[in-house]
mmCIF file of all heavy atoms, coordinates in Angstrom:
data_MODEL
# 
_entry.id   MODEL 
# 
loop_
_atom_site.group_PDB 
_atom_site.id 
_atom_site.type_symbol 
_atom_site.label_atom_id 
_atom_site.label_alt_id 
_atom_site.label_comp_id 
_atom_site.label_asym_id 
_atom_site.label_entity_id 
_atom_site.label_seq_id 
_atom_site.pdbx_PDB_ins_code 
_atom_site.Cartn_x 
_atom_site.Cartn_y 
_atom_site.Cartn_z 
_atom_site.occupancy 
_atom_site.B_iso_or_equiv 
_atom_site.pdbx_formal_charge 
_atom_site.auth_seq_id 
_atom_site.auth_comp_id 
_atom_site.auth_asym_id 
_atom_site.auth_atom_id 
_atom_site.pdbx_PDB_model_num 
ATOM 1   N N   . PHE A 1 1  ? 72.213 -60.374 70.513 1.00 0.00 ? 1  PHE A N   1 
ATOM 2   C CA  . PHE A 1 1  ? 73.219 -59.835 69.671 1.00 0.00 ? 1  PHE A CA  1 
ATOM 3   C C   . PHE A 1 1  ? 73.071 -58.240 69.558 1.00 0.00 ? 1  PHE A C   1 
ATOM 4   O O   . PHE A 1 1  ? 73.945 -57.555 68.989 1.00 0.00 ? 1  PHE A O   1 
ATOM 5   C CB  . PHE A 1 1  ? 73.234 -60.410 68.256 1.00 0.00 ? 1  PHE A CB  1 
ATOM 6   C CG  . PHE A 1 1  ? 71.886 -60.253 67.517 1.00 0.00 ? 1  PHE A CG  1 
ATOM 7   C CD1 . PHE A 1 1  ? 71.699 -59.010 66.736 1.00 0.00 ? 1  PHE A CD1 1 
ATOM 8   C CD2 . PHE A 1 1  ? 70.837 -61.086 67.594 1.00 0.00 ? 1  PHE A CD2 1 
ATOM 9   C CE1 . PHE A 1 1  ? 70.531 -58.832 65.997 1.00 0.00 ? 1  PHE A CE1 1 
ATOM 10  C CE2 . PHE A 1 1  ? 69.674 -60.857 66.965 1.00 0.00 ? 1  PHE A CE2 1 
ATOM 11  C CZ  . PHE A 1 1  ? 69.493 -59.751 66.210 1.00 0.00 ? 1  PHE A CZ  1 
ATOM 12  N N   . THR A 1 2  ? 71.994 -57.711 70.092 1.00 0.00 ? 2  THR A N   1 
ATOM 13  C CA  . THR A 1 2  ? 71.761 -56.295 69.954 1.00 0.00 ? 2  THR A CA  1 
ATOM 14  C C   . THR A 1 2  ? 70.807 -55.896 71.074 1.00 0.00 ? 2  THR A C   1 
ATOM 15  O O   . THR A 1 2  ? 70.071 -56.673 71.714 1.00 0.00 ? 2  THR A O   1 
ATOM 16  C CB  . THR A 1 2  ? 71.121 -55.941 68.625 1.00 0.00 ? 2  THR A CB  1 
ATOM 17  O OG1 . THR A 1 2  ? 71.036 -54.510 68.545 1.00 0.00 ? 2  THR A OG1 1 
ATOM 18  C CG2 . THR A 1 2  ? 69.727 -56.492 68.492 1.00 0.00 ? 2  THR A CG2 1 
ATOM 19  N N   . GLY A 1 3  ? 70.922 -54.630 71.545 1.00 0.00 ? 3  GLY A N   1 
ATOM 20  C CA  . GLY A 1 3  ? 70.054 -54.068 72.604 1.00 0.00 ? 3  GLY A CA  1 
ATOM 21  C C   . GLY A 1 3  ? 69.891 -52.595 72.404 1.00 0.00 ? 3  GLY A C   1 
ATOM 22  O O   . GLY A 1 3  ? 70.736 -51.951 71.750 1.00 0.00 ? 3  GLY A O   1 
ATOM 23  N N   . ARG A 1 4  ? 68.860 -52.075 72.962 1.00 0.00 ? 4  ARG A N   1 
ATOM 24  C CA  . ARG A 1 4  ? 68.590 -50.617 72.879 1.00 0.00 ? 4  ARG A CA  1 
ATOM 25  C C   . ARG A 1 4  ? 68.056 -50.071 74.266 1.00 0.00 ? 4  ARG A C   1 
ATOM 26  O O   . ARG A 1 4  ? 67.205 -50.656 74.834 1.00 0.00 ? 4  ARG A O   1 
ATOM 27  C CB  . ARG A 1 4  ? 67.612 -50.343 71.748 1.00 0.00 ? 4  ARG A CB  1 
ATOM 28  C CG  . ARG A 1 4  ? 68.147 -50.475 70.378 1.00 0.00 ? 4  ARG A CG  1 
ATOM 29  C CD  . ARG A 1 4  ? 67.108 -50.361 69.270 1.00 0.00 ? 4  ARG A CD  1 
ATOM 30  N NE  . ARG A 1 4  ? 67.672 -50.424 67.930 1.00 0.00 ? 4  ARG A NE  1 
ATOM 31  C CZ  . ARG A 1 4  ? 68.008 -51.429 67.273 1.00 0.00 ? 4  ARG A CZ  1 
ATOM 32  N NH1 . ARG A 1 4  ? 67.983 -52.685 67.921 1.00 0.00 ? 4  ARG A NH1 1 
ATOM 33  N NH2 . ARG A 1 4  ? 68.549 -51.319 66.061 1.00 0.00 ? 4  ARG A NH2 1 
ATOM 34  N N   . ALA A 1 5  ? 68.614 -48.938 74.543 1.00 0.00 ? 5  ALA A N   1 
ATOM 35  C CA  . ALA A 1 5  ? 68.132 -48.152 75.740 1.00 0.00 ? 5  ALA A CA  1 
ATOM 36  C C   . ALA A 1 5  ? 67.135 -47.146 75.216 1.00 0.00 ? 5  ALA A C   1 
ATOM 37  O O   . ALA A 1 5  ? 67.480 -46.309 74.287 1.00 0.00 ? 5  ALA A O   1 
ATOM 38  C CB  . ALA A 1 5  ? 69.277 -47.430 76.400 1.00 0.00 ? 5  ALA A CB  1 
ATOM 39  N N   . LEU A 1 6  ? 65.996 -47.165 75.682 1.00 0.00 ? 6  LEU A N   1 
ATOM 40  C CA  . LEU A 1 6  ? 64.877 -46.321 75.164 1.00 0.00 ? 6  LEU A CA  1 
ATOM 41  C C   . LEU A 1 6  ? 64.535 -45.176 76.042 1.00 0.00 ? 6  LEU A C   1 
ATOM 42  O O   . LEU A 1 6  ? 64.182 -44.090 75.542 1.00 0.00 ? 6  LEU A O   1 
ATOM 43  C CB  . LEU A 1 6  ? 63.588 -47.229 74.948 1.00 0.00 ? 6  LEU A CB  1 
ATOM 44  C CG  . LEU A 1 6  ? 63.751 -48.417 74.017 1.00 0.00 ? 6  LEU A CG  1 
ATOM 45  C CD1 . LEU A 1 6  ? 62.471 -49.173 73.934 1.00 0.00 ? 6  LEU A CD1 1 
ATOM 46  C CD2 . LEU A 1 6  ? 64.117 -47.931 72.649 1.00 0.00 ? 6  LEU A CD2 1 
ATOM 47  N N   . ASP A 1 7  ? 64.554 -45.350 77.387 1.00 0.00 ? 7  ASP A N   1 
ATOM 48  C CA  . ASP A 1 7  ? 64.162 -44.150 78.251 1.00 0.00 ? 7  ASP A CA  1 
ATOM 49  C C   . ASP A 1 7  ? 64.763 -44.448 79.635 1.00 0.00 ? 7  ASP A C   1 
ATOM 50  O O   . ASP A 1 7  ? 65.200 -45.633 79.948 1.00 0.00 ? 7  ASP A O   1 
ATOM 51  C CB  . ASP A 1 7  ? 62.635 -44.021 78.297 1.00 0.00 ? 7  ASP A CB  1 
ATOM 52  C CG  . ASP A 1 7  ? 62.259 -42.665 78.739 1.00 0.00 ? 7  ASP A CG  1 
ATOM 53  O OD1 . ASP A 1 7  ? 63.147 -41.824 78.990 1.00 0.00 ? 7  ASP A OD1 1 
ATOM 54  O OD2 . ASP A 1 7  ? 61.024 -42.445 78.954 1.00 0.00 ? 7  ASP A OD2 1 
ATOM 55  N N   . GLN A 1 8  ? 64.765 -43.468 80.423 1.00 0.00 ? 8  GLN A N   1 
ATOM 56  C CA  . GLN A 1 8  ? 65.314 -43.641 81.774 1.00 0.00 ? 8  GLN A CA  1 
ATOM 57  C C   . GLN A 1 8  ? 64.572 -42.649 82.720 1.00 0.00 ? 8  GLN A C   1 
ATOM 58  O O   . GLN A 1 8  ? 64.033 -41.634 82.346 1.00 0.00 ? 8  GLN A O   1 
ATOM 59  C CB  . GLN A 1 8  ? 66.784 -43.363 81.910 1.00 0.00 ? 8  GLN A CB  1 
ATOM 60  C CG  . GLN A 1 8  ? 67.193 -41.955 81.609 1.00 0.00 ? 8  GLN A CG  1 
ATOM 61  C CD  . GLN A 1 8  ? 68.666 -41.744 81.705 1.00 0.00 ? 8  GLN A CD  1 
ATOM 62  O OE1 . GLN A 1 8  ? 69.412 -42.471 82.348 1.00 0.00 ? 8  GLN A OE1 1 
ATOM 63  N NE2 . GLN A 1 8  ? 69.218 -40.631 81.090 1.00 0.00 ? 8  GLN A NE2 1 
ATOM 64  N N   . ASN A 1 9  ? 64.537 -42.988 84.055 1.00 0.00 ? 9  ASN A N   1 
ATOM 65  C CA  . ASN A 1 9  ? 63.912 -42.065 85.014 1.00 0.00 ? 9  ASN A CA  1 
ATOM 66  C C   . ASN A 1 9  ? 65.018 -41.269 85.719 1.00 0.00 ? 9  ASN A C   1 
ATOM 67  O O   . ASN A 1 9  ? 66.168 -41.418 85.380 1.00 0.00 ? 9  ASN A O   1 
ATOM 68  C CB  . ASN A 1 9  ? 63.024 -42.800 86.025 1.00 0.00 ? 9  ASN A CB  1 
ATOM 69  C CG  . ASN A 1 9  ? 63.759 -43.815 86.824 1.00 0.00 ? 9  ASN A CG  1 
ATOM 70  O OD1 . ASN A 1 9  ? 64.983 -43.742 86.942 1.00 0.00 ? 9  ASN A OD1 1 
ATOM 71  N ND2 . ASN A 1 9  ? 63.046 -44.748 87.446 1.00 0.00 ? 9  ASN A ND2 1 
ATOM 72  N N   . ASP A 1 10 ? 64.603 -40.404 86.678 1.00 0.00 ? 10 ASP A N   1 
ATOM 73  C CA  . ASP A 1 10 ? 65.537 -39.558 87.319 1.00 0.00 ? 10 ASP A CA  1 
ATOM 74  C C   . ASP A 1 10 ? 66.401 -40.286 88.314 1.00 0.00 ? 10 ASP A C   1 
ATOM 75  O O   . ASP A 1 10 ? 67.411 -39.686 88.782 1.00 0.00 ? 10 ASP A O   1 
ATOM 76  C CB  . ASP A 1 10 ? 64.846 -38.440 88.006 1.00 0.00 ? 10 ASP A CB  1 
ATOM 77  C CG  . ASP A 1 10 ? 64.221 -37.436 87.033 1.00 0.00 ? 10 ASP A CG  1 
ATOM 78  O OD1 . ASP A 1 10 ? 64.789 -37.361 85.918 1.00 0.00 ? 10 ASP A OD1 1 
ATOM 79  O OD2 . ASP A 1 10 ? 63.331 -36.665 87.451 1.00 0.00 ? 10 ASP A OD2 1 
ATOM 80  N N   . ALA A 1 11 ? 66.058 -41.563 88.606 1.00 0.00 ? 11 ALA A N   1 
ATOM 81  C CA  . ALA A 1 11 ? 66.953 -42.385 89.490 1.00 0.00 ? 11 ALA A CA  1 
ATOM 82  C C   . ALA A 1 11 ? 68.009 -43.065 88.653 1.00 0.00 ? 11 ALA A C   1 
ATOM 83  O O   . ALA A 1 11 ? 68.844 -43.842 89.181 1.00 0.00 ? 11 ALA A O   1 
ATOM 84  C CB  . ALA A 1 11 ? 66.118 -43.445 90.226 1.00 0.00 ? 11 ALA A CB  1 
ATOM 85  N N   . GLY A 1 12 ? 67.962 -42.985 87.362 1.00 0.00 ? 12 GLY A N   1 
ATOM 86  C CA  . GLY A 1 12 ? 68.950 -43.618 86.444 1.00 0.00 ? 12 GLY A CA  1 
ATOM 87  C C   . GLY A 1 12 ? 68.661 -44.968 86.022 1.00 0.00 ? 12 GLY A C   1 
ATOM 88  O O   . GLY A 1 12 ? 69.462 -45.678 85.460 1.00 0.00 ? 12 GLY A O   1 
ATOM 89  N N   . VAL A 1 13 ? 67.383 -45.411 86.294 1.00 0.00 ? 13 VAL A N   1 
ATOM 90  C CA  . VAL A 1 13 ? 66.933 -46.735 85.905 1.00 0.00 ? 13 VAL A CA  1 
ATOM 91  C C   . VAL A 1 13 ? 66.548 -46.596 84.386 1.00 0.00 ? 13 VAL A C   1 
ATOM 92  O O   . VAL A 1 13 ? 65.736 -45.737 84.035 1.00 0.00 ? 13 VAL A O   1 
ATOM 93  C CB  . VAL A 1 13 ? 65.718 -47.206 86.674 1.00 0.00 ? 13 VAL A CB  1 
ATOM 94  C CG1 . VAL A 1 13 ? 65.278 -48.596 86.245 1.00 0.00 ? 13 VAL A CG1 1 
ATOM 95  C CG2 . VAL A 1 13 ? 66.079 -47.280 88.145 1.00 0.00 ? 13 VAL A CG2 1 
ATOM 96  N N   . VAL A 1 14 ? 67.091 -47.496 83.551 1.00 0.00 ? 14 VAL A N   1 
ATOM 97  C CA  . VAL A 1 14 ? 66.933 -47.494 82.118 1.00 0.00 ? 14 VAL A CA  1 
ATOM 98  C C   . VAL A 1 14 ? 66.032 -48.585 81.759 1.00 0.00 ? 14 VAL A C   1 
ATOM 99  O O   . VAL A 1 14 ? 66.092 -49.775 82.216 1.00 0.00 ? 14 VAL A O   1 
ATOM 100 C CB  . VAL A 1 14 ? 68.290 -47.615 81.400 1.00 0.00 ? 14 VAL A CB  1 
ATOM 101 C CG1 . VAL A 1 14 ? 68.098 -47.606 79.887 1.00 0.00 ? 14 VAL A CG1 1 
ATOM 102 C CG2 . VAL A 1 14 ? 69.263 -46.524 81.880 1.00 0.00 ? 14 VAL A CG2 1 
ATOM 103 N N   . VAL A 1 15 ? 65.072 -48.320 80.762 1.00 0.00 ? 15 VAL A N   1 
ATOM 104 C CA  . VAL A 1 15 ? 64.215 -49.290 80.110 1.00 0.00 ? 15 VAL A CA  1 
ATOM 105 C C   . VAL A 1 15 ? 64.622 -49.511 78.742 1.00 0.00 ? 15 VAL A C   1 
ATOM 106 O O   . VAL A 1 15 ? 64.983 -48.497 77.984 1.00 0.00 ? 15 VAL A O   1 
ATOM 107 C CB  . VAL A 1 15 ? 62.731 -48.922 80.313 1.00 0.00 ? 15 VAL A CB  1 
ATOM 108 C CG1 . VAL A 1 15 ? 62.408 -47.597 79.625 1.00 0.00 ? 15 VAL A CG1 1 
ATOM 109 C CG2 . VAL A 1 15 ? 61.745 -50.011 79.890 1.00 0.00 ? 15 VAL A CG2 1 
ATOM 110 N N   . GLY A 1 16 ? 64.544 -50.725 78.255 1.00 0.00 ? 16 GLY A N   1 
ATOM 111 C CA  . GLY A 1 16 ? 64.835 -50.983 76.816 1.00 0.00 ? 16 GLY A CA  1 
ATOM 112 C C   . GLY A 1 16 ? 64.652 -52.430 76.510 1.00 0.00 ? 16 GLY A C   1 
ATOM 113 O O   . GLY A 1 16 ? 63.822 -53.123 77.182 1.00 0.00 ? 16 GLY A O   1 
ATOM 114 N N   . TYR A 1 17 ? 65.379 -52.993 75.547 1.00 0.00 ? 17 TYR A N   1 
ATOM 115 C CA  . TYR A 1 17 ? 65.177 -54.380 75.136 1.00 0.00 ? 17 TYR A CA  1 
ATOM 116 C C   . TYR A 1 17 ? 66.413 -54.930 74.471 1.00 0.00 ? 17 TYR A C   1 
ATOM 117 O O   . TYR A 1 17 ? 67.365 -54.123 74.122 1.00 0.00 ? 17 TYR A O   1 
ATOM 118 C CB  . TYR A 1 17 ? 63.974 -54.520 74.181 1.00 0.00 ? 17 TYR A CB  1 
ATOM 119 C CG  . TYR A 1 17 ? 64.138 -53.836 72.889 1.00 0.00 ? 17 TYR A CG  1 
ATOM 120 C CD1 . TYR A 1 17 ? 64.647 -54.565 71.752 1.00 0.00 ? 17 TYR A CD1 1 
ATOM 121 C CD2 . TYR A 1 17 ? 63.741 -52.531 72.688 1.00 0.00 ? 17 TYR A CD2 1 
ATOM 122 C CE1 . TYR A 1 17 ? 64.813 -53.989 70.562 1.00 0.00 ? 17 TYR A CE1 1 
ATOM 123 C CE2 . TYR A 1 17 ? 63.950 -51.929 71.429 1.00 0.00 ? 17 TYR A CE2 1 
ATOM 124 C CZ  . TYR A 1 17 ? 64.487 -52.677 70.370 1.00 0.00 ? 17 TYR A CZ  1 
ATOM 125 O OH  . TYR A 1 17 ? 64.678 -52.041 69.128 1.00 0.00 ? 17 TYR A OH  1 
ATOM 126 N N   . SER A 1 18 ? 66.476 -56.197 74.264 1.00 0.00 ? 18 SER A N   1 
ATOM 127 C CA  . SER A 1 18 ? 67.495 -56.832 73.530 1.00 0.00 ? 18 SER A CA  1 
ATOM 128 C C   . SER A 1 18 ? 66.838 -57.848 72.480 1.00 0.00 ? 18 SER A C   1 
ATOM 129 O O   . SER A 1 18 ? 65.688 -58.253 72.794 1.00 0.00 ? 18 SER A O   1 
ATOM 130 C CB  . SER A 1 18 ? 68.594 -57.485 74.365 1.00 0.00 ? 18 SER A CB  1 
ATOM 131 O OG  . SER A 1 18 ? 67.976 -58.611 75.077 1.00 0.00 ? 18 SER A OG  1 
ATOM 132 N N   . LEU A 1 19 ? 67.605 -58.264 71.530 1.00 0.00 ? 19 LEU A N   1 
ATOM 133 C CA  . LEU A 1 19 ? 67.091 -59.232 70.616 1.00 0.00 ? 19 LEU A CA  1 
ATOM 134 C C   . LEU A 1 19 ? 68.146 -60.395 70.480 1.00 0.00 ? 19 LEU A C   1 
ATOM 135 O O   . LEU A 1 19 ? 69.323 -60.120 70.495 1.00 0.00 ? 19 LEU A O   1 
ATOM 136 C CB  . LEU A 1 19 ? 66.930 -58.563 69.191 1.00 0.00 ? 19 LEU A CB  1 
ATOM 137 C CG  . LEU A 1 19 ? 65.836 -57.519 69.047 1.00 0.00 ? 19 LEU A CG  1 
ATOM 138 C CD1 . LEU A 1 19 ? 65.852 -56.935 67.676 1.00 0.00 ? 19 LEU A CD1 1 
ATOM 139 C CD2 . LEU A 1 19 ? 64.437 -58.106 69.295 1.00 0.00 ? 19 LEU A CD2 1 
ATOM 140 N N   . GLY A 1 20 ? 67.663 -61.535 70.353 1.00 0.00 ? 20 GLY A N   1 
ATOM 141 C CA  . GLY A 1 20 ? 68.443 -62.731 70.203 1.00 0.00 ? 20 GLY A CA  1 
ATOM 142 C C   . GLY A 1 20 ? 67.720 -63.907 70.699 1.00 0.00 ? 20 GLY A C   1 
ATOM 143 O O   . GLY A 1 20 ? 67.592 -64.127 71.942 1.00 0.00 ? 20 GLY A O   1 
ATOM 144 N N   . GLY A 1 21 ? 67.124 -64.711 69.825 1.00 0.00 ? 21 GLY A N   1 
ATOM 145 C CA  . GLY A 1 21 ? 66.285 -65.788 70.204 1.00 0.00 ? 21 GLY A CA  1 
ATOM 146 C C   . GLY A 1 21 ? 64.952 -65.322 70.683 1.00 0.00 ? 21 GLY A C   1 
ATOM 147 O O   . GLY A 1 21 ? 64.158 -65.901 71.417 1.00 0.00 ? 21 GLY A O   1 
ATOM 148 N N   . GLY A 1 22 ? 64.644 -64.040 70.315 1.00 0.00 ? 22 GLY A N   1 
ATOM 149 C CA  . GLY A 1 22 ? 63.291 -63.442 70.665 1.00 0.00 ? 22 GLY A CA  1 
ATOM 150 C C   . GLY A 1 22 ? 63.540 -61.962 71.165 1.00 0.00 ? 22 GLY A C   1 
ATOM 151 O O   . GLY A 1 22 ? 64.638 -61.515 71.339 1.00 0.00 ? 22 GLY A O   1 
ATOM 152 N N   . TYR A 1 23 ? 62.448 -61.334 71.380 1.00 0.00 ? 23 TYR A N   1 
ATOM 153 C CA  . TYR A 1 23 ? 62.381 -59.963 72.000 1.00 0.00 ? 23 TYR A CA  1 
ATOM 154 C C   . TYR A 1 23 ? 62.390 -60.004 73.429 1.00 0.00 ? 23 TYR A C   1 
ATOM 155 O O   . TYR A 1 23 ? 61.462 -60.671 74.064 1.00 0.00 ? 23 TYR A O   1 
ATOM 156 C CB  . TYR A 1 23 ? 61.240 -59.209 71.415 1.00 0.00 ? 23 TYR A CB  1 
ATOM 157 C CG  . TYR A 1 23 ? 60.923 -57.899 71.986 1.00 0.00 ? 23 TYR A CG  1 
ATOM 158 C CD1 . TYR A 1 23 ? 61.523 -56.786 71.295 1.00 0.00 ? 23 TYR A CD1 1 
ATOM 159 C CD2 . TYR A 1 23 ? 60.182 -57.711 73.164 1.00 0.00 ? 23 TYR A CD2 1 
ATOM 160 C CE1 . TYR A 1 23 ? 61.277 -55.547 71.824 1.00 0.00 ? 23 TYR A CE1 1 
ATOM 161 C CE2 . TYR A 1 23 ? 59.931 -56.455 73.676 1.00 0.00 ? 23 TYR A CE2 1 
ATOM 162 C CZ  . TYR A 1 23 ? 60.559 -55.331 73.003 1.00 0.00 ? 23 TYR A CZ  1 
ATOM 163 O OH  . TYR A 1 23 ? 60.269 -54.100 73.504 1.00 0.00 ? 23 TYR A OH  1 
ATOM 164 N N   . ILE A 1 24 ? 63.329 -59.431 74.123 1.00 0.00 ? 24 ILE A N   1 
ATOM 165 C CA  . ILE A 1 24 ? 63.516 -59.443 75.543 1.00 0.00 ? 24 ILE A CA  1 
ATOM 166 C C   . ILE A 1 24 ? 63.463 -58.116 76.151 1.00 0.00 ? 24 ILE A C   1 
ATOM 167 O O   . ILE A 1 24 ? 64.445 -57.325 75.899 1.00 0.00 ? 24 ILE A O   1 
ATOM 168 C CB  . ILE A 1 24 ? 64.768 -60.221 75.998 1.00 0.00 ? 24 ILE A CB  1 
ATOM 169 C CG1 . ILE A 1 24 ? 64.893 -61.568 75.265 1.00 0.00 ? 24 ILE A CG1 1 
ATOM 170 C CG2 . ILE A 1 24 ? 64.806 -60.448 77.498 1.00 0.00 ? 24 ILE A CG2 1 
ATOM 171 C CD1 . ILE A 1 24 ? 66.293 -62.198 75.479 1.00 0.00 ? 24 ILE A CD1 1 
ATOM 172 N N   . PRO A 1 25 ? 62.384 -57.729 76.828 1.00 0.00 ? 25 PRO A N   1 
ATOM 173 C CA  . PRO A 1 25 ? 62.398 -56.392 77.497 1.00 0.00 ? 25 PRO A CA  1 
ATOM 174 C C   . PRO A 1 25 ? 63.176 -56.409 78.734 1.00 0.00 ? 25 PRO A C   1 
ATOM 175 O O   . PRO A 1 25 ? 63.316 -57.406 79.440 1.00 0.00 ? 25 PRO A O   1 
ATOM 176 C CB  . PRO A 1 25 ? 60.887 -56.256 77.836 1.00 0.00 ? 25 PRO A CB  1 
ATOM 177 C CG  . PRO A 1 25 ? 60.311 -57.581 77.985 1.00 0.00 ? 25 PRO A CG  1 
ATOM 178 C CD  . PRO A 1 25 ? 61.120 -58.454 77.028 1.00 0.00 ? 25 PRO A CD  1 
ATOM 179 N N   . HIS A 1 26 ? 63.828 -55.232 79.090 1.00 0.00 ? 26 HIS A N   1 
ATOM 180 C CA  . HIS A 1 26 ? 64.747 -55.146 80.240 1.00 0.00 ? 26 HIS A CA  1 
ATOM 181 C C   . HIS A 1 26 ? 64.490 -53.846 80.983 1.00 0.00 ? 26 HIS A C   1 
ATOM 182 O O   . HIS A 1 26 ? 64.050 -52.906 80.404 1.00 0.00 ? 26 HIS A O   1 
ATOM 183 C CB  . HIS A 1 26 ? 66.220 -55.126 79.834 1.00 0.00 ? 26 HIS A CB  1 
ATOM 184 C CG  . HIS A 1 26 ? 66.681 -56.272 78.963 1.00 0.00 ? 26 HIS A CG  1 
ATOM 185 N ND1 . HIS A 1 26 ? 66.579 -57.618 79.419 1.00 0.00 ? 26 HIS A ND1 1 
ATOM 186 C CD2 . HIS A 1 26 ? 67.187 -56.396 77.723 1.00 0.00 ? 26 HIS A CD2 1 
ATOM 187 C CE1 . HIS A 1 26 ? 67.105 -58.366 78.539 1.00 0.00 ? 26 HIS A CE1 1 
ATOM 188 N NE2 . HIS A 1 26 ? 67.439 -57.735 77.455 1.00 0.00 ? 26 HIS A NE2 1 
ATOM 189 N N   . ILE A 1 27 ? 64.987 -53.831 82.215 1.00 0.00 ? 27 ILE A N   1 
ATOM 190 C CA  . ILE A 1 27 ? 65.348 -52.624 82.879 1.00 0.00 ? 27 ILE A CA  1 
ATOM 191 C C   . ILE A 1 27 ? 66.851 -52.818 83.403 1.00 0.00 ? 27 ILE A C   1 
ATOM 192 O O   . ILE A 1 27 ? 67.228 -53.871 83.695 1.00 0.00 ? 27 ILE A O   1 
ATOM 193 C CB  . ILE A 1 27 ? 64.493 -52.192 84.058 1.00 0.00 ? 27 ILE A CB  1 
ATOM 194 C CG1 . ILE A 1 27 ? 64.465 -53.277 85.152 1.00 0.00 ? 27 ILE A CG1 1 
ATOM 195 C CG2 . ILE A 1 27 ? 63.012 -51.910 83.604 1.00 0.00 ? 27 ILE A CG2 1 
ATOM 196 C CD1 . ILE A 1 27 ? 63.783 -52.786 86.450 1.00 0.00 ? 27 ILE A CD1 1 
ATOM 197 N N   . TRP A 1 28 ? 67.588 -51.725 83.283 1.00 0.00 ? 28 TRP A N   1 
ATOM 198 C CA  . TRP A 1 28 ? 68.906 -51.713 83.930 1.00 0.00 ? 28 TRP A CA  1 
ATOM 199 C C   . TRP A 1 28 ? 68.964 -50.835 85.110 1.00 0.00 ? 28 TRP A C   1 
ATOM 200 O O   . TRP A 1 28 ? 68.544 -49.593 85.038 1.00 0.00 ? 28 TRP A O   1 
ATOM 201 C CB  . TRP A 1 28 ? 70.005 -51.147 82.814 1.00 0.00 ? 28 TRP A CB  1 
ATOM 202 C CG  . TRP A 1 28 ? 70.220 -52.021 81.693 1.00 0.00 ? 28 TRP A CG  1 
ATOM 203 C CD1 . TRP A 1 28 ? 71.214 -53.026 81.622 1.00 0.00 ? 28 TRP A CD1 1 
ATOM 204 C CD2 . TRP A 1 28 ? 69.599 -52.053 80.399 1.00 0.00 ? 28 TRP A CD2 1 
ATOM 205 N NE1 . TRP A 1 28 ? 71.136 -53.706 80.390 1.00 0.00 ? 28 TRP A NE1 1 
ATOM 206 C CE2 . TRP A 1 28 ? 70.146 -53.057 79.597 1.00 0.00 ? 28 TRP A CE2 1 
ATOM 207 C CE3 . TRP A 1 28 ? 68.606 -51.353 79.830 1.00 0.00 ? 28 TRP A CE3 1 
ATOM 208 C CZ2 . TRP A 1 28 ? 69.824 -53.297 78.297 1.00 0.00 ? 28 TRP A CZ2 1 
ATOM 209 C CZ3 . TRP A 1 28 ? 68.218 -51.532 78.568 1.00 0.00 ? 28 TRP A CZ3 1 
ATOM 210 C CH2 . TRP A 1 28 ? 68.830 -52.526 77.760 1.00 0.00 ? 28 TRP A CH2 1 
ATOM 211 N N   . THR A 1 29 ? 69.433 -51.323 86.163 1.00 0.00 ? 29 THR A N   1 
ATOM 212 C CA  . THR A 1 29 ? 69.634 -50.575 87.465 1.00 0.00 ? 29 THR A CA  1 
ATOM 213 C C   . THR A 1 29 ? 71.032 -50.558 87.804 1.00 0.00 ? 29 THR A C   1 
ATOM 214 O O   . THR A 1 29 ? 71.669 -51.676 87.934 1.00 0.00 ? 29 THR A O   1 
ATOM 215 C CB  . THR A 1 29 ? 68.746 -51.222 88.494 1.00 0.00 ? 29 THR A CB  1 
ATOM 216 O OG1 . THR A 1 29 ? 67.429 -51.275 88.144 1.00 0.00 ? 29 THR A OG1 1 
ATOM 217 C CG2 . THR A 1 29 ? 68.847 -50.353 89.783 1.00 0.00 ? 29 THR A CG2 1 
ATOM 218 N N   . ASP A 1 30 ? 71.593 -49.372 88.077 1.00 0.00 ? 30 ASP A N   1 
ATOM 219 C CA  . ASP A 1 30 ? 73.065 -49.246 88.358 1.00 0.00 ? 30 ASP A CA  1 
ATOM 220 C C   . ASP A 1 30 ? 73.900 -49.939 87.427 1.00 0.00 ? 30 ASP A C   1 
ATOM 221 O O   . ASP A 1 30 ? 74.999 -50.575 87.708 1.00 0.00 ? 30 ASP A O   1 
ATOM 222 C CB  . ASP A 1 30 ? 73.362 -49.756 89.806 1.00 0.00 ? 30 ASP A CB  1 
ATOM 223 C CG  . ASP A 1 30 ? 72.644 -48.867 90.826 1.00 0.00 ? 30 ASP A CG  1 
ATOM 224 O OD1 . ASP A 1 30 ? 72.453 -47.747 90.618 1.00 0.00 ? 30 ASP A OD1 1 
ATOM 225 O OD2 . ASP A 1 30 ? 72.240 -49.452 91.871 1.00 0.00 ? 30 ASP A OD2 1 
# 
């Protein structure tokens, strides 16, 4: 139900997480 983008590198890959049934770490690419 919620997510947060925390940081990104110079290639545009984003690291963050979402919540909903637990804490789920992510990276977003493109």
